[in-house]
Amino acid sequence: MKFSKQFSLYESEATQFINGLKLANPKMEQGQRDGRALLWDKAPIDLEATQRAQESRVKQQAYVYLTKG
């Protein structure tokens, strides 16, 4: 969507705030990327190991607290 020339230089207060914050702290963006990588980016799943783990599970009895004695 194209704005007219009158609005081409407009920046909202939020955009101005964020741009000012980035100028004041230039390492902030890299810190955000590092935090995202730490919390959200996961290693690829090993399908063979997942299948072995599922096959080696011991089935749990229906009522856990029932003891066979």
C-alpha atoms as a PDB file:
ATOM      1  CA  MET A   1       0.000   0.000   0.000  1.00  0.00           C
ATOM      2  CA  LYS A   2       1.543   3.260  -1.060  1.00  0.00           C
ATOM      3  CA  PHE A   3       1.017   6.434   0.889  1.00  0.00           C
ATOM      4  CA  SER A   4       0.979   9.831  -0.703  1.00  0.00           C
ATOM      5  CA  LYS A   5       4.099  11.988  -0.623  1.00  0.00           C
ATOM      6  CA  GLN A   6       2.641  13.838   2.327  1.00  0.00           C
ATOM      7  CA  PHE A   7       2.933  10.739   4.544  1.00  0.00           C
ATOM      8  CA  SER A   8       6.137   9.235   3.112  1.00  0.00           C
ATOM      9  CA  LEU A   9       8.330  10.709   5.872  1.00  0.00           C
ATOM     10  CA  TYR A  10       5.961   9.964   8.740  1.00  0.00           C
ATOM     11  CA  GLU A  11       7.266   7.873  11.656  1.00  0.00           C
ATOM     12  CA  SER A  12       5.065   6.914  14.560  1.00  0.00           C
ATOM     13  CA  GLU A  13       6.108   7.590  18.136  1.00  0.00           C
ATOM     14  CA  ALA A  14       6.679   3.890  18.680  1.00  0.00           C
ATOM     15  CA  THR A  15       9.025   3.688  15.688  1.00  0.00           C
ATOM     16  CA  GLN A  16      10.906   6.755  16.873  1.00  0.00           C
ATOM     17  CA  PHE A  17      11.241   5.243  20.344  1.00  0.00           C
ATOM     18  CA  ILE A  18      12.580   1.938  19.020  1.00  0.00           C
ATOM     19  CA  ASN A  19      15.026   3.662  16.677  1.00  0.00           C
ATOM     20  CA  GLY A  20      16.264   5.826  19.566  1.00  0.00           C
ATOM     21  CA  LEU A  21      16.632   2.762  21.771  1.00  0.00           C
ATOM     22  CA  LYS A  22      18.686   0.998  19.096  1.00  0.00           C
ATOM     23  CA  LEU A  23      20.932   4.044  18.737  1.00  0.00           C
ATOM     24  CA  ALA A  24      21.464   4.232  22.496  1.00  0.00           C
ATOM     25  CA  ASN A  25      22.235   0.518  22.805  1.00  0.00           C
ATOM     26  CA  PRO A  26      23.692  -0.904  19.567  1.00  0.00           C
ATOM     27  CA  LYS A  27      24.289  -4.386  21.051  1.00  0.00           C
ATOM     28  CA  MET A  28      20.631  -4.846  21.987  1.00  0.00           C
ATOM     29  CA  GLU A  29      19.620  -6.460  18.688  1.00  0.00           C
ATOM     30  CA  GLN A  30      22.400  -9.061  18.879  1.00  0.00           C
ATOM     31  CA  GLY A  31      21.396  -9.797  22.473  1.00  0.00           C
ATOM     32  CA  GLN A  32      17.829 -10.415  21.320  1.00  0.00           C
ATOM     33  CA  ARG A  33      19.061 -12.826  18.657  1.00  0.00           C
ATOM     34  CA  ASP A  34      21.220 -14.661  21.203  1.00  0.00           C
ATOM     35  CA  GLY A  35      18.286 -14.964  23.613  1.00  0.00           C
ATOM     36  CA  ARG A  36      16.015 -16.294  20.889  1.00  0.00           C
ATOM     37  CA  ALA A  37      18.632 -18.868  19.880  1.00  0.00           C
ATOM     38  CA  LEU A  38      19.020 -19.947  23.492  1.00  0.00           C
ATOM     39  CA  LEU A  39      15.311 -20.373  24.193  1.00  0.00           C
ATOM     40  CA  TRP A  40      13.620 -21.213  20.894  1.00  0.00           C
ATOM     41  CA  ASP A  41      16.012 -22.545  18.263  1.00  0.00           C
ATOM     42  CA  LYS A  42      16.341 -26.285  18.771  1.00  0.00           C
ATOM     43  CA  ALA A  43      18.700 -28.866  17.308  1.00  0.00           C
ATOM     44  CA  PRO A  44      17.311 -31.209  14.633  1.00  0.00           C
ATOM     45  CA  ILE A  45      15.556 -34.323  15.894  1.00  0.00           C
ATOM     46  CA  ASP A  46      17.332 -37.660  15.474  1.00  0.00           C
ATOM     47  CA  LEU A  47      14.565 -39.940  14.180  1.00  0.00           C
ATOM     48  CA  GLU A  48      16.415 -43.203  14.883  1.00  0.00           C
ATOM     49  CA  ALA A  49      17.089 -42.285  18.509  1.00  0.00           C
ATOM     50  CA  THR A  50      13.464 -41.203  18.959  1.00  0.00           C
ATOM     51  CA  GLN A  51      12.209 -44.504  17.533  1.00  0.00           C
ATOM     52  CA  ARG A  52      14.569 -46.528  19.779  1.00  0.00           C
ATOM     53  CA  ALA A  53      13.385 -44.589  22.831  1.00  0.00           C
ATOM     54  CA  GLN A  54       9.722 -45.223  21.997  1.00  0.00           C
ATOM     55  CA  GLU A  55      10.306 -48.935  21.403  1.00  0.00           C
ATOM     56  CA  SER A  56      12.252 -49.382  24.644  1.00  0.00           C
ATOM     57  CA  ARG A  57       9.575 -47.846  26.866  1.00  0.00           C
ATOM     58  CA  VAL A  58       8.050 -50.093  29.505  1.00  0.00           C
ATOM     59  CA  LYS A  59       4.261 -49.988  29.446  1.00  0.00           C
ATOM     60  CA  GLN A  60       2.762 -48.571  32.619  1.00  0.00           C
ATOM     61  CA  GLN A  61      -0.028 -50.478  34.299  1.00  0.00           C
ATOM     62  CA  ALA A  62      -3.514 -49.002  34.327  1.00  0.00           C
ATOM     63  CA  TYR A  63      -3.564 -48.127  38.005  1.00  0.00           C
ATOM     64  CA  VAL A  64      -0.119 -47.063  39.154  1.00  0.00           C
ATOM     65  CA  TYR A  65      -0.665 -47.494  42.896  1.00  0.00           C
ATOM     66  CA  LEU A  66      -1.904 -51.078  42.628  1.00  0.00           C
ATOM     67  CA  THR A  67       0.827 -53.406  43.813  1.00  0.00           C
ATOM     68  CA  LYS A  68       1.056 -56.951  42.565  1.00  0.00           C
ATOM     69  CA  GLY A  69       2.014 -58.930  45.584  1.00  0.00           C
END
